[in-house]
PDB file of all heavy atoms in Angstrom:
ATOM      1  N   THR A   1      -2.082  12.903  -6.772  1.00  0.00           N
ATOM      2  CA  THR A   1      -1.983  11.862  -5.754  1.00  0.00           C
ATOM      3  C   THR A   1      -3.040  10.783  -5.986  1.00  0.00           C
ATOM      4  O   THR A   1      -4.185  11.082  -6.332  1.00  0.00           O
ATOM      5  CB  THR A   1      -2.154  12.464  -4.348  1.00  0.00           C
ATOM      6  OG1 THR A   1      -1.149  13.462  -4.144  1.00  0.00           O
ATOM      7  CG2 THR A   1      -2.010  11.397  -3.279  1.00  0.00           C
ATOM      8  N   VAL A   2      -2.634   9.556  -5.766  1.00  0.00           N
ATOM      9  CA  VAL A   2      -3.545   8.420  -5.782  1.00  0.00           C
ATOM     10  C   VAL A   2      -3.514   7.785  -4.399  1.00  0.00           C
ATOM     11  O   VAL A   2      -2.478   7.792  -3.722  1.00  0.00           O
ATOM     12  CB  VAL A   2      -3.172   7.409  -6.889  1.00  0.00           C
ATOM     13  CG1 VAL A   2      -1.803   6.805  -6.657  1.00  0.00           C
ATOM     14  CG2 VAL A   2      -4.229   6.328  -7.012  1.00  0.00           C
ATOM     15  N   TYR A   3      -4.656   7.266  -3.975  1.00  0.00           N
ATOM     16  CA  TYR A   3      -4.805   6.709  -2.635  1.00  0.00           C
ATOM     17  C   TYR A   3      -5.259   5.257  -2.691  1.00  0.00           C
ATOM     18  O   TYR A   3      -5.875   4.829  -3.664  1.00  0.00           O
ATOM     19  CB  TYR A   3      -5.846   7.511  -1.837  1.00  0.00           C
ATOM     20  CG  TYR A   3      -5.537   8.986  -1.735  1.00  0.00           C
ATOM     21  CD1 TYR A   3      -6.108   9.891  -2.618  1.00  0.00           C
ATOM     22  CD2 TYR A   3      -4.682   9.466  -0.748  1.00  0.00           C
ATOM     23  CE1 TYR A   3      -5.833  11.246  -2.526  1.00  0.00           C
ATOM     24  CE2 TYR A   3      -4.400  10.822  -0.653  1.00  0.00           C
ATOM     25  CZ  TYR A   3      -4.976  11.703  -1.548  1.00  0.00           C
ATOM     26  OH  TYR A   3      -4.693  13.041  -1.454  1.00  0.00           O
ATOM     27  N   LEU A   4      -4.971   4.543  -1.629  1.00  0.00           N
ATOM     28  CA  LEU A   4      -5.513   3.205  -1.452  1.00  0.00           C
ATOM     29  C   LEU A   4      -6.014   3.108  -0.014  1.00  0.00           C
ATOM     30  O   LEU A   4      -5.219   3.045   0.924  1.00  0.00           O
ATOM     31  CB  LEU A   4      -4.462   2.120  -1.718  1.00  0.00           C
ATOM     32  CG  LEU A   4      -4.993   0.696  -1.676  1.00  0.00           C
ATOM     33  CD1 LEU A   4      -5.951   0.454  -2.853  1.00  0.00           C
ATOM     34  CD2 LEU A   4      -3.859  -0.327  -1.711  1.00  0.00           C
ATOM     35  N   GLN A   5      -7.326   3.155   0.135  1.00  0.00           N
ATOM     36  CA  GLN A   5      -7.944   2.991   1.452  1.00  0.00           C
ATOM     37  C   GLN A   5      -8.117   1.501   1.708  1.00  0.00           C
ATOM     38  O   GLN A   5      -8.778   0.818   0.921  1.00  0.00           O
ATOM     39  CB  GLN A   5      -9.292   3.700   1.508  1.00  0.00           C
ATOM     40  CG  GLN A   5     -10.036   3.522   2.819  1.00  0.00           C
ATOM     41  CD  GLN A   5      -9.335   4.194   3.986  1.00  0.00           C
ATOM     42  OE1 GLN A   5      -8.880   5.321   3.867  1.00  0.00           O
ATOM     43  NE2 GLN A   5      -9.264   3.502   5.117  1.00  0.00           N
ATOM     44  N   MET A   6      -7.540   1.029   2.791  1.00  0.00           N
ATOM     45  CA  MET A   6      -7.564  -0.402   3.099  1.00  0.00           C
ATOM     46  C   MET A   6      -8.292  -0.606   4.422  1.00  0.00           C
ATOM     47  O   MET A   6      -7.832  -0.135   5.461  1.00  0.00           O
ATOM     48  CB  MET A   6      -6.131  -0.943   3.182  1.00  0.00           C
ATOM     49  CG  MET A   6      -5.301  -0.661   1.936  1.00  0.00           C
ATOM     50  SD  MET A   6      -3.681  -1.441   1.978  1.00  0.00           S
ATOM     51  CE  MET A   6      -2.931  -0.569   3.341  1.00  0.00           C
ATOM     52  N   ASN A   7      -9.413  -1.283   4.361  1.00  0.00           N
ATOM     53  CA  ASN A   7     -10.216  -1.581   5.543  1.00  0.00           C
ATOM     54  C   ASN A   7     -10.254  -3.079   5.794  1.00  0.00           C
ATOM     55  O   ASN A   7      -9.933  -3.875   4.905  1.00  0.00           O
ATOM     56  CB  ASN A   7     -11.629  -1.049   5.362  1.00  0.00           C
ATOM     57  CG  ASN A   7     -11.686   0.453   5.183  1.00  0.00           C
ATOM     58  OD1 ASN A   7     -10.859   1.195   5.717  1.00  0.00           O
ATOM     59  ND2 ASN A   7     -12.661   0.918   4.427  1.00  0.00           N
ATOM     60  N   SER A   8     -10.658  -3.441   6.985  1.00  0.00           N
ATOM     61  CA  SER A   8     -10.785  -4.861   7.354  1.00  0.00           C
ATOM     62  C   SER A   8      -9.524  -5.642   6.982  1.00  0.00           C
ATOM     63  O   SER A   8      -9.589  -6.712   6.371  1.00  0.00           O
ATOM     64  CB  SER A   8     -12.012  -5.481   6.672  1.00  0.00           C
ATOM     65  OG  SER A   8     -13.188  -4.796   7.011  1.00  0.00           O
ATOM     66  N   LEU A   9      -8.399  -5.095   7.363  1.00  0.00           N
ATOM     67  CA  LEU A   9      -7.121  -5.697   6.981  1.00  0.00           C
ATOM     68  C   LEU A   9      -6.935  -7.067   7.610  1.00  0.00           C
ATOM     69  O   LEU A   9      -7.375  -7.317   8.742  1.00  0.00           O
ATOM     70  CB  LEU A   9      -5.981  -4.769   7.366  1.00  0.00           C
ATOM     71  CG  LEU A   9      -5.789  -3.586   6.396  1.00  0.00           C
ATOM     72  CD1 LEU A   9      -4.984  -2.472   7.046  1.00  0.00           C
ATOM     73  CD2 LEU A   9      -5.116  -4.055   5.126  1.00  0.00           C
ATOM     74  N   LYS A  10      -6.258  -7.929   6.865  1.00  0.00           N
ATOM     75  CA  LYS A  10      -5.992  -9.299   7.291  1.00  0.00           C
ATOM     76  C   LYS A  10      -4.477  -9.527   7.323  1.00  0.00           C
ATOM     77  O   LYS A  10      -3.743  -8.864   6.581  1.00  0.00           O
ATOM     78  CB  LYS A  10      -6.628 -10.282   6.310  1.00  0.00           C
ATOM     79  CG  LYS A  10      -8.113 -10.097   6.098  1.00  0.00           C
ATOM     80  CD  LYS A  10      -8.613 -11.042   5.012  1.00  0.00           C
ATOM     81  CE  LYS A  10     -10.107 -10.846   4.768  1.00  0.00           C
ATOM     82  NZ  LYS A  10     -10.605 -11.771   3.700  1.00  0.00           N
ATOM     83  N   PRO A  11      -4.006 -10.473   8.106  1.00  0.00           N
ATOM     84  CA  PRO A  11      -2.564 -10.762   8.114  1.00  0.00           C
ATOM     85  C   PRO A  11      -2.018 -11.067   6.714  1.00  0.00           C
ATOM     86  O   PRO A  11      -0.877 -10.710   6.401  1.00  0.00           O
ATOM     87  CB  PRO A  11      -2.456 -11.971   9.035  1.00  0.00           C
ATOM     88  CG  PRO A  11      -3.602 -11.804   9.986  1.00  0.00           C
ATOM     89  CD  PRO A  11      -4.713 -11.227   9.147  1.00  0.00           C
ATOM     90  N   GLU A  12      -2.836 -11.672   5.868  1.00  0.00           N
ATOM     91  CA  GLU A  12      -2.371 -11.990   4.516  1.00  0.00           C
ATOM     92  C   GLU A  12      -2.246 -10.767   3.621  1.00  0.00           C
ATOM     93  O   GLU A  12      -1.766 -10.868   2.496  1.00  0.00           O
ATOM     94  CB  GLU A  12      -3.290 -13.031   3.855  1.00  0.00           C
ATOM     95  CG  GLU A  12      -4.759 -12.708   3.895  1.00  0.00           C
ATOM     96  CD  GLU A  12      -5.475 -13.383   5.060  1.00  0.00           C
ATOM     97  OE1 GLU A  12      -4.928 -13.391   6.190  1.00  0.00           O
ATOM     98  OE2 GLU A  12      -6.603 -13.890   4.830  1.00  0.00           O
ATOM     99  N   ASP A  13      -2.657  -9.602   4.104  1.00  0.00           N
ATOM    100  CA  ASP A  13      -2.424  -8.359   3.368  1.00  0.00           C
ATOM    101  C   ASP A  13      -1.032  -7.797   3.615  1.00  0.00           C
ATOM    102  O   ASP A  13      -0.635  -6.813   2.981  1.00  0.00           O
ATOM    103  CB  ASP A  13      -3.454  -7.297   3.766  1.00  0.00           C
ATOM    104  CG  ASP A  13      -4.870  -7.661   3.346  1.00  0.00           C
ATOM    105  OD1 ASP A  13      -5.050  -8.173   2.230  1.00  0.00           O
ATOM    106  OD2 ASP A  13      -5.798  -7.431   4.160  1.00  0.00           O
ATOM    107  N   THR A  14      -0.286  -8.399   4.526  1.00  0.00           N
ATOM    108  CA  THR A  14       1.063  -7.938   4.826  1.00  0.00           C
ATOM    109  C   THR A  14       1.940  -8.039   3.584  1.00  0.00           C
ATOM    110  O   THR A  14       2.046  -9.108   2.966  1.00  0.00           O
ATOM    111  CB  THR A  14       1.672  -8.779   5.962  1.00  0.00           C
ATOM    112  OG1 THR A  14       0.930  -8.538   7.162  1.00  0.00           O
ATOM    113  CG2 THR A  14       3.132  -8.407   6.185  1.00  0.00           C
ATOM    114  N   ALA A  15       2.551  -6.921   3.211  1.00  0.00           N
ATOM    115  CA  ALA A  15       3.370  -6.864   1.992  1.00  0.00           C
ATOM    116  C   ALA A  15       3.972  -5.475   1.862  1.00  0.00           C
ATOM    117  O   ALA A  15       3.593  -4.547   2.594  1.00  0.00           O
ATOM    118  CB  ALA A  15       2.520  -7.168   0.758  1.00  0.00           C
ATOM    119  N   VAL A  16       4.879  -5.348   0.906  1.00  0.00           N
ATOM    120  CA  VAL A  16       5.318  -4.024   0.460  1.00  0.00           C
ATOM    121  C   VAL A  16       4.387  -3.594  -0.665  1.00  0.00           C
ATOM    122  O   VAL A  16       4.230  -4.320  -1.654  1.00  0.00           O
ATOM    123  CB  VAL A  16       6.777  -4.048  -0.030  1.00  0.00           C
ATOM    124  CG1 VAL A  16       7.164  -2.700  -0.612  1.00  0.00           C
ATOM    125  CG2 VAL A  16       7.715  -4.420   1.111  1.00  0.00           C
ATOM    126  N   TYR A  17       3.778  -2.434  -0.490  1.00  0.00           N
ATOM    127  CA  TYR A  17       2.827  -1.921  -1.466  1.00  0.00           C
ATOM    128  C   TYR A  17       3.497  -0.829  -2.304  1.00  0.00           C
ATOM    129  O   TYR A  17       4.084   0.110  -1.752  1.00  0.00           O
ATOM    130  CB  TYR A  17       1.604  -1.344  -0.755  1.00  0.00           C
ATOM    131  CG  TYR A  17       0.675  -2.394  -0.227  1.00  0.00           C
ATOM    132  CD1 TYR A  17       1.031  -3.181   0.869  1.00  0.00           C
ATOM    133  CD2 TYR A  17      -0.561  -2.633  -0.827  1.00  0.00           C
ATOM    134  CE1 TYR A  17       0.186  -4.162   1.353  1.00  0.00           C
ATOM    135  CE2 TYR A  17      -1.417  -3.613  -0.342  1.00  0.00           C
ATOM    136  CZ  TYR A  17      -1.029  -4.372   0.737  1.00  0.00           C
ATOM    137  OH  TYR A  17      -1.863  -5.359   1.211  1.00  0.00           O
ATOM    138  N   SER A  18       3.366  -0.965  -3.609  1.00  0.00           N
ATOM    139  CA  SER A  18       3.972  -0.003  -4.539  1.00  0.00           C
ATOM    140  C   SER A  18       2.902   0.573  -5.459  1.00  0.00           C
ATOM    141  O   SER A  18       2.009  -0.164  -5.887  1.00  0.00           O
ATOM    142  CB  SER A  18       5.057  -0.676  -5.377  1.00  0.00           C
ATOM    143  OG  SER A  18       6.084  -1.213  -4.575  1.00  0.00           O
ATOM    144  N   CYS A  19       3.061   1.843  -5.780  1.00  0.00           N
ATOM    145  CA  CYS A  19       2.181   2.414  -6.793  1.00  0.00           C
ATOM    146  C   CYS A  19       2.940   2.482  -8.119  1.00  0.00           C
ATOM    147  O   CYS A  19       4.170   2.441  -8.152  1.00  0.00           O
ATOM    148  CB  CYS A  19       1.667   3.788  -6.396  1.00  0.00           C
ATOM    149  SG  CYS A  19       2.906   5.081  -6.307  1.00  0.00           S
ATOM    150  N   ALA A  20       2.180   2.556  -9.191  1.00  0.00           N
ATOM    151  CA  ALA A  20       2.758   2.545 -10.522  1.00  0.00           C
ATOM    152  C   ALA A  20       1.933   3.429 -11.437  1.00  0.00           C
ATOM    153  O   ALA A  20       0.730   3.621 -11.220  1.00  0.00           O
ATOM    154  CB  ALA A  20       2.809   1.116 -11.061  1.00  0.00           C
ATOM    155  N   ALA A  21       2.599   3.953 -12.480  1.00  0.00           N
ATOM    156  CA  ALA A  21       1.961   4.848 -13.438  1.00  0.00           C
ATOM    157  C   ALA A  21       2.136   4.315 -14.844  1.00  0.00           C
ATOM    158  O   ALA A  21       3.223   3.846 -15.211  1.00  0.00           O
ATOM    159  CB  ALA A  21       2.564   6.254 -13.330  1.00  0.00           C
ATOM    160  N   ALA A  22       1.074   4.428 -15.626  1.00  0.00           N
ATOM    161  CA  ALA A  22       1.093   4.006 -17.018  1.00  0.00           C
ATOM    162  C   ALA A  22       0.614   5.160 -17.880  1.00  0.00           C
ATOM    163  O   ALA A  22      -0.477   5.693 -17.643  1.00  0.00           O
ATOM    164  CB  ALA A  22       0.201   2.792 -17.232  1.00  0.00           C
ATOM    165  N   ILE A  23       1.403   5.532 -18.875  1.00  0.00           N
ATOM    166  CA  ILE A  23       0.947   6.547 -19.819  1.00  0.00           C
ATOM    167  C   ILE A  23      -0.185   5.925 -20.633  1.00  0.00           C
ATOM    168  O   ILE A  23       0.003   4.878 -21.259  1.00  0.00           O
ATOM    169  CB  ILE A  23       2.091   6.998 -20.734  1.00  0.00           C
ATOM    170  CG1 ILE A  23       3.217   7.639 -19.909  1.00  0.00           C
ATOM    171  CG2 ILE A  23       1.578   7.980 -21.783  1.00  0.00           C
ATOM    172  CD1 ILE A  23       4.459   7.955 -20.711  1.00  0.00           C
ATOM    173  N   ALA A  24      -1.341   6.548 -20.585  1.00  0.00           N
ATOM    174  CA  ALA A  24      -2.506   5.899 -21.182  1.00  0.00           C
ATOM    175  C   ALA A  24      -3.581   6.925 -21.510  1.00  0.00           C
ATOM    176  O   ALA A  24      -3.539   8.057 -21.026  1.00  0.00           O
ATOM    177  CB  ALA A  24      -3.064   4.854 -20.217  1.00  0.00           C
ATOM    178  N   SER A  25      -4.538   6.489 -22.283  1.00  0.00           N
ATOM    179  CA  SER A  25      -5.709   7.325 -22.536  1.00  0.00           C
ATOM    180  C   SER A  25      -6.479   7.504 -21.239  1.00  0.00           C
ATOM    181  O   SER A  25      -6.323   6.729 -20.295  1.00  0.00           O
ATOM    182  CB  SER A  25      -6.593   6.699 -23.605  1.00  0.00           C
ATOM    183  OG  SER A  25      -7.083   5.448 -23.161  1.00  0.00           O
ATOM    184  N   ARG A  26      -7.312   8.505 -21.190  1.00  0.00           N
ATOM    185  CA  ARG A  26      -7.893   8.933 -19.915  1.00  0.00           C
ATOM    186  C   ARG A  26      -8.922   7.976 -19.336  1.00  0.00           C
ATOM    187  O   ARG A  26      -9.264   8.078 -18.164  1.00  0.00           O
ATOM    188  CB  ARG A  26      -8.473  10.335 -20.066  1.00  0.00           C
ATOM    189  CG  ARG A  26      -7.390  11.342 -20.397  1.00  0.00           C
ATOM    190  CD  ARG A  26      -7.875  12.756 -20.365  1.00  0.00           C
ATOM    191  NE  ARG A  26      -6.733  13.669 -20.538  1.00  0.00           N
ATOM    192  CZ  ARG A  26      -6.804  14.978 -20.381  1.00  0.00           C
ATOM    193  NH1 ARG A  26      -7.951  15.538 -20.048  1.00  0.00           N
ATOM    194  NH2 ARG A  26      -5.744  15.723 -20.552  1.00  0.00           N
ATOM    195  N   PHE A  27      -9.415   7.052 -20.138  1.00  0.00           N
ATOM    196  CA  PHE A  27     -10.423   6.111 -19.641  1.00  0.00           C
ATOM    197  C   PHE A  27      -9.866   4.696 -19.569  1.00  0.00           C
ATOM    198  O   PHE A  27     -10.608   3.721 -19.645  1.00  0.00           O
ATOM    199  CB  PHE A  27     -11.657   6.166 -20.523  1.00  0.00           C
ATOM    200  CG  PHE A  27     -12.300   7.516 -20.535  1.00  0.00           C
ATOM    201  CD1 PHE A  27     -12.041   8.423 -21.540  1.00  0.00           C
ATOM    202  CD2 PHE A  27     -13.160   7.886 -19.510  1.00  0.00           C
ATOM    203  CE1 PHE A  27     -12.624   9.684 -21.543  1.00  0.00           C
ATOM    204  CE2 PHE A  27     -13.750   9.145 -19.503  1.00  0.00           C
ATOM    205  CZ  PHE A  27     -13.480  10.040 -20.524  1.00  0.00           C
ATOM    206  N   TYR A  28      -8.555   4.583 -19.398  1.00  0.00           N
ATOM    207  CA  TYR A  28      -7.877   3.295 -19.393  1.00  0.00           C
ATOM    208  C   TYR A  28      -7.389   2.960 -17.997  1.00  0.00           C
ATOM    209  O   TYR A  28      -6.855   3.812 -17.294  1.00  0.00           O
ATOM    210  CB  TYR A  28      -6.689   3.350 -20.354  1.00  0.00           C
ATOM    211  CG  TYR A  28      -5.791   2.132 -20.336  1.00  0.00           C
ATOM    212  CD1 TYR A  28      -6.079   1.029 -21.120  1.00  0.00           C
ATOM    213  CD2 TYR A  28      -4.647   2.103 -19.545  1.00  0.00           C
ATOM    214  CE1 TYR A  28      -5.251  -0.083 -21.123  1.00  0.00           C
ATOM    215  CE2 TYR A  28      -3.817   1.006 -19.537  1.00  0.00           C
ATOM    216  CZ  TYR A  28      -4.112  -0.086 -20.331  1.00  0.00           C
ATOM    217  OH  TYR A  28      -3.295  -1.177 -20.322  1.00  0.00           O
ATOM    218  N   ALA A  29      -7.577   1.712 -17.592  1.00  0.00           N
ATOM    219  CA  ALA A  29      -7.005   1.215 -16.352  1.00  0.00           C
ATOM    220  C   ALA A  29      -6.493  -0.195 -16.632  1.00  0.00           C
ATOM    221  O   ALA A  29      -7.054  -0.899 -17.466  1.00  0.00           O
ATOM    222  CB  ALA A  29      -8.044   1.184 -15.237  1.00  0.00           C
ATOM    223  N   ALA A  30      -5.446  -0.613 -15.925  1.00  0.00           N
ATOM    224  CA  ALA A  30      -4.799  -1.886 -16.262  1.00  0.00           C
ATOM    225  C   ALA A  30      -4.486  -2.698 -15.025  1.00  0.00           C
ATOM    226  O   ALA A  30      -4.005  -2.169 -14.009  1.00  0.00           O
ATOM    227  CB  ALA A  30      -3.520  -1.634 -17.027  1.00  0.00           C
ATOM    228  N   ARG A  31      -4.733  -4.011 -15.139  1.00  0.00           N
ATOM    229  CA  ARG A  31      -4.364  -4.958 -14.081  1.00  0.00           C
ATOM    230  C   ARG A  31      -2.945  -5.506 -14.274  1.00  0.00           C
ATOM    231  O   ARG A  31      -2.320  -5.976 -13.325  1.00  0.00           O
ATOM    232  CB  ARG A  31      -5.330  -6.145 -14.084  1.00  0.00           C
ATOM    233  CG  ARG A  31      -6.783  -5.805 -13.770  1.00  0.00           C
ATOM    234  CD  ARG A  31      -7.627  -7.070 -13.842  1.00  0.00           C
ATOM    235  NE  ARG A  31      -9.026  -6.853 -13.519  1.00  0.00           N
ATOM    236  CZ  ARG A  31      -9.942  -6.553 -14.414  1.00  0.00           C
ATOM    237  NH1 ARG A  31      -9.611  -6.413 -15.674  1.00  0.00           N
ATOM    238  NH2 ARG A  31     -11.200  -6.388 -14.038  1.00  0.00           N
ATOM    239  N   ASP A  32      -2.450  -5.459 -15.500  1.00  0.00           N
ATOM    240  CA  ASP A  32      -1.192  -6.100 -15.845  1.00  0.00           C
ATOM    241  C   ASP A  32      -0.023  -5.186 -15.510  1.00  0.00           C
ATOM    242  O   ASP A  32       0.038  -4.051 -15.984  1.00  0.00           O
ATOM    243  CB  ASP A  32      -1.183  -6.416 -17.337  1.00  0.00           C
ATOM    244  CG  ASP A  32      -0.012  -7.277 -17.739  1.00  0.00           C
ATOM    245  OD1 ASP A  32       0.952  -7.391 -16.952  1.00  0.00           O
ATOM    246  OD2 ASP A  32      -0.043  -7.831 -18.854  1.00  0.00           O
ATOM    247  N   ALA A  33       0.932  -5.692 -14.736  1.00  0.00           N
ATOM    248  CA  ALA A  33       2.079  -4.881 -14.333  1.00  0.00           C
ATOM    249  C   ALA A  33       2.907  -4.418 -15.521  1.00  0.00           C
ATOM    250  O   ALA A  33       3.552  -3.364 -15.458  1.00  0.00           O
ATOM    251  CB  ALA A  33       2.956  -5.672 -13.363  1.00  0.00           C
ATOM    252  N   THR A  34       2.883  -5.166 -16.605  1.00  0.00           N
ATOM    253  CA  THR A  34       3.689  -4.783 -17.765  1.00  0.00           C
ATOM    254  C   THR A  34       3.169  -3.512 -18.445  1.00  0.00           C
ATOM    255  O   THR A  34       3.874  -2.927 -19.252  1.00  0.00           O
ATOM    256  CB  THR A  34       3.749  -5.921 -18.796  1.00  0.00           C
ATOM    257  OG1 THR A  34       2.417  -6.193 -19.270  1.00  0.00           O
ATOM    258  CG2 THR A  34       4.335  -7.190 -18.196  1.00  0.00           C
ATOM    259  N   ALA A  35       1.969  -3.084 -18.108  1.00  0.00           N
ATOM    260  CA  ALA A  35       1.416  -1.853 -18.687  1.00  0.00           C
ATOM    261  C   ALA A  35       2.026  -0.600 -18.057  1.00  0.00           C
ATOM    262  O   ALA A  35       1.919   0.483 -18.602  1.00  0.00           O
ATOM    263  CB  ALA A  35      -0.095  -1.823 -18.510  1.00  0.00           C
ATOM    264  N   TYR A  36       2.668  -0.774 -16.899  1.00  0.00           N
ATOM    265  CA  TYR A  36       3.169   0.361 -16.128  1.00  0.00           C
ATOM    266  C   TYR A  36       4.651   0.591 -16.368  1.00  0.00           C
ATOM    267  O   TYR A  36       5.438  -0.353 -16.360  1.00  0.00           O
ATOM    268  CB  TYR A  36       2.901   0.132 -14.640  1.00  0.00           C
ATOM    269  CG  TYR A  36       1.424   0.075 -14.325  1.00  0.00           C
ATOM    270  CD1 TYR A  36       0.718  -1.112 -14.412  1.00  0.00           C
ATOM    271  CD2 TYR A  36       0.736   1.233 -13.967  1.00  0.00           C
ATOM    272  CE1 TYR A  36      -0.647  -1.151 -14.148  1.00  0.00           C
ATOM    273  CE2 TYR A  36      -0.616   1.199 -13.692  1.00  0.00           C
ATOM    274  CZ  TYR A  36      -1.308   0.012 -13.793  1.00  0.00           C
ATOM    275  OH  TYR A  36      -2.656  -0.017 -13.527  1.00  0.00           O
ATOM    276  N   SER A  37       5.016   1.864 -16.548  1.00  0.00           N
ATOM    277  CA  SER A  37       6.394   2.201 -16.870  1.00  0.00           C
ATOM    278  C   SER A  37       7.141   2.876 -15.719  1.00  0.00           C
ATOM    279  O   SER A  37       8.369   2.952 -15.750  1.00  0.00           O
ATOM    280  CB  SER A  37       6.429   3.122 -18.088  1.00  0.00           C
ATOM    281  OG  SER A  37       5.625   4.267 -17.869  1.00  0.00           O
ATOM    282  N   SER A  38       6.429   3.348 -14.721  1.00  0.00           N
ATOM    283  CA  SER A  38       7.077   4.026 -13.593  1.00  0.00           C
ATOM    284  C   SER A  38       6.564   3.424 -12.303  1.00  0.00           C
ATOM    285  O   SER A  38       5.360   3.167 -12.173  1.00  0.00           O
ATOM    286  CB  SER A  38       6.789   5.529 -13.616  1.00  0.00           C
ATOM    287  OG  SER A  38       7.281   6.114 -14.801  1.00  0.00           O
ATOM    288  N   TRP A  39       7.493   3.257 -11.351  1.00  0.00           N
ATOM    289  CA  TRP A  39       7.168   2.590 -10.083  1.00  0.00           C
ATOM    290  C   TRP A  39       7.760   3.364  -8.912  1.00  0.00           C
ATOM    291  O   TRP A  39       8.857   3.929  -9.016  1.00  0.00           O
ATOM    292  CB  TRP A  39       7.741   1.169 -10.071  1.00  0.00           C
ATOM    293  CG  TRP A  39       7.089   0.273 -11.075  1.00  0.00           C
ATOM    294  CD1 TRP A  39       7.363   0.182 -12.412  1.00  0.00           C
ATOM    295  CD2 TRP A  39       6.035  -0.655 -10.815  1.00  0.00           C
ATOM    296  NE1 TRP A  39       6.537  -0.741 -12.997  1.00  0.00           N
ATOM    297  CE2 TRP A  39       5.714  -1.280 -12.043  1.00  0.00           C
ATOM    298  CE3 TRP A  39       5.321  -1.026  -9.678  1.00  0.00           C
ATOM    299  CZ2 TRP A  39       4.716  -2.253 -12.166  1.00  0.00           C
ATOM    300  CZ3 TRP A  39       4.337  -1.997  -9.779  1.00  0.00           C
ATOM    301  CH2 TRP A  39       4.041  -2.599 -11.022  1.00  0.00           C
TER     302      TRP A  39
END
């Protein structure tokens, strides 16, 4: 499981939030949506 704790929420945070998974080495993290293969 992965979590997203959201504090001090603002109206501009309103959205549909999706999680995604990327097959990657263990010390890798990515900002680019194209890196993720499962949603």
